[in-house]
């Protein structure tokens, strides 16, 4: 979980600094789009908060941050799956698969951590 928290901080920081580049790497757009950049930065702040919260906490607080991360990653999986449907167009399959698998991996690791914590 520490590595996931560190990755959240890294991705969040990169997205704050260069949202267009991160979105391009993810296959979600190219060129200048101020609205997209604002939304990307808003999501970056979520990643920074989750990563920092986990790393700065201990004991029961850290377990809470792990659960929050699991919830967020699970919703990200749903968003990734949803990105391939709808009338407004579809995200390219390679991009949707990539970020959905990243979120699914985070969810699986988070679920393992939360399950371990609940077992004592």
Protein backbone atom coordinates (compact mmCIF):
# COMPACT_ATOMS: atom_id res chain seq x y z
CA UNK A 1 0.00 0.00 0.00
CA UNK A 2 2.90 2.34 0.61
CA UNK A 3 3.91 2.01 -3.06
CA UNK A 4 0.35 2.78 -4.18
CA UNK A 5 0.31 5.87 -1.95
CA UNK A 6 3.65 6.97 -3.40
CA UNK A 7 2.33 6.38 -6.94
CA UNK A 8 -0.74 8.47 -6.12
CA UNK A 9 1.53 11.33 -5.04
CA UNK A 10 3.69 11.03 -8.16
CA UNK A 11 0.76 10.89 -10.59
CA UNK A 12 -1.03 13.68 -8.74
CA UNK A 13 2.03 15.93 -8.79
CA UNK A 14 2.71 15.21 -12.46
CA UNK A 15 -0.89 15.98 -13.34
CA UNK A 16 -0.82 19.24 -11.39
CA UNK A 17 2.32 20.35 -13.24
CA UNK A 18 1.52 19.01 -16.73
CA UNK A 19 -2.13 17.95 -17.02
CA UNK A 20 -2.12 17.98 -20.81
CA UNK A 21 0.85 15.62 -20.99
CA UNK A 22 -0.63 13.17 -18.49
CA UNK A 23 -3.98 13.16 -20.29
CA UNK A 24 -2.20 12.62 -23.62
CA UNK A 25 -0.19 9.69 -22.23
CA UNK A 26 -3.46 8.18 -20.98
CA UNK A 27 -4.88 8.46 -24.51
CA UNK A 28 -7.59 10.91 -23.53
CA UNK A 29 -6.84 13.92 -25.64
CA UNK A 30 -4.27 16.02 -27.34
CA UNK A 31 -3.75 19.70 -27.75
CA UNK A 32 -4.72 22.54 -25.49
CA UNK A 33 -7.98 22.23 -23.53
CA UNK A 34 -8.23 24.47 -20.45
CA UNK A 35 -11.44 22.81 -19.21
CA UNK A 36 -9.90 19.35 -19.39
CA UNK A 37 -6.81 20.62 -17.60
CA UNK A 38 -8.89 22.02 -14.72
CA UNK A 39 -10.71 18.71 -14.29
CA UNK A 40 -7.42 16.79 -14.48
CA UNK A 41 -5.94 19.01 -11.77
CA UNK A 42 -9.03 18.53 -9.60
CA UNK A 43 -8.59 14.77 -9.88
CA UNK A 44 -4.87 15.21 -9.18
CA UNK A 45 -5.67 16.84 -5.87
CA UNK A 46 -7.69 13.75 -4.94
CA UNK A 47 -4.70 11.50 -5.65
CA UNK A 48 -2.37 13.75 -3.67
CA UNK A 49 -4.76 13.81 -0.71
CA UNK A 50 -5.22 10.02 -0.72
CA UNK A 51 -1.50 9.35 -1.04
CA UNK A 52 -0.45 11.87 1.59
CA UNK A 53 -3.24 10.84 3.93
CA UNK A 54 -2.13 7.23 3.84
CA UNK A 55 1.57 7.98 4.21
CA UNK A 56 1.12 10.50 7.03
CA UNK A 57 -1.23 8.34 9.09
CA UNK A 58 -0.72 5.38 11.38
CA UNK A 59 -2.86 2.70 13.00
CA UNK A 60 -6.65 3.08 12.69
CA UNK A 61 -6.28 6.27 10.66
CA UNK A 62 -4.12 4.49 8.10
CA UNK A 63 -6.69 1.72 7.83
CA UNK A 64 -9.34 4.36 7.11
CA UNK A 65 -7.19 5.89 4.34
CA UNK A 66 -6.76 2.40 2.83
CA UNK A 67 -10.54 1.98 2.76
CA UNK A 68 -11.02 5.39 1.17
CA UNK A 69 -8.48 4.47 -1.51
CA UNK A 70 -10.32 1.21 -2.16
CA UNK A 71 -13.60 3.08 -2.65
CA UNK A 72 -12.03 5.62 -5.02
CA UNK A 73 -10.22 2.95 -7.06
CA UNK A 74 -13.42 0.88 -7.29
CA UNK A 75 -15.33 3.87 -8.65
CA UNK A 76 -12.48 4.47 -11.08
CA UNK A 77 -12.93 0.91 -12.38
CA UNK A 78 -16.60 1.64 -12.99
CA UNK A 79 -15.70 4.90 -14.75
CA UNK A 80 -13.22 3.02 -16.94
CA UNK A 81 -15.82 0.45 -17.91
CA UNK A 82 -18.36 3.19 -18.60
CA UNK A 83 -15.87 5.01 -20.85
CA UNK A 84 -16.52 2.45 -23.57
CA UNK A 85 -20.26 3.10 -23.72
CA UNK A 86 -22.50 6.05 -24.33
CA UNK A 87 -23.75 8.22 -27.14
CA UNK A 88 -21.06 10.90 -26.79
CA UNK A 89 -18.33 8.66 -28.15
CA UNK A 90 -16.04 6.08 -26.72
CA UNK A 91 -12.58 6.26 -25.26
CA UNK A 92 -10.17 4.19 -27.38
CA UNK A 93 -10.10 0.57 -26.25
CA UNK A 94 -6.34 0.59 -25.52
CA UNK A 95 -6.72 3.67 -23.28
CA UNK A 96 -9.82 2.40 -21.48
CA UNK A 97 -8.15 -0.96 -20.89
CA UNK A 98 -5.00 0.68 -19.54
CA UNK A 99 -6.53 2.99 -16.97
CA UNK A 100 -9.23 0.48 -16.01
CA UNK A 101 -6.57 -2.16 -15.31
CA UNK A 102 -4.53 0.31 -13.25
CA UNK A 103 -7.61 1.11 -11.17
CA UNK A 104 -8.50 -2.59 -10.91
CA UNK A 105 -5.01 -3.39 -9.68
CA UNK A 106 -5.28 -0.64 -7.07
CA UNK A 107 -8.68 -2.00 -6.04
CA UNK A 108 -7.37 -5.55 -5.72
CA UNK A 109 -4.40 -4.48 -3.60
CA UNK A 110 -6.64 -2.22 -1.53
CA UNK A 111 -9.15 -5.02 -1.01
CA UNK A 112 -6.37 -7.36 0.13
CA UNK A 113 -5.17 -4.72 2.61
CA UNK A 114 -8.65 -3.97 3.95
CA UNK A 115 -9.41 -7.68 4.26
CA UNK A 116 -6.16 -8.27 6.15
CA UNK A 117 -6.94 -5.34 8.46
CA UNK A 118 -10.43 -6.67 9.18
CA UNK A 119 -9.08 -10.13 10.03
CA UNK A 120 -6.87 -8.54 12.63
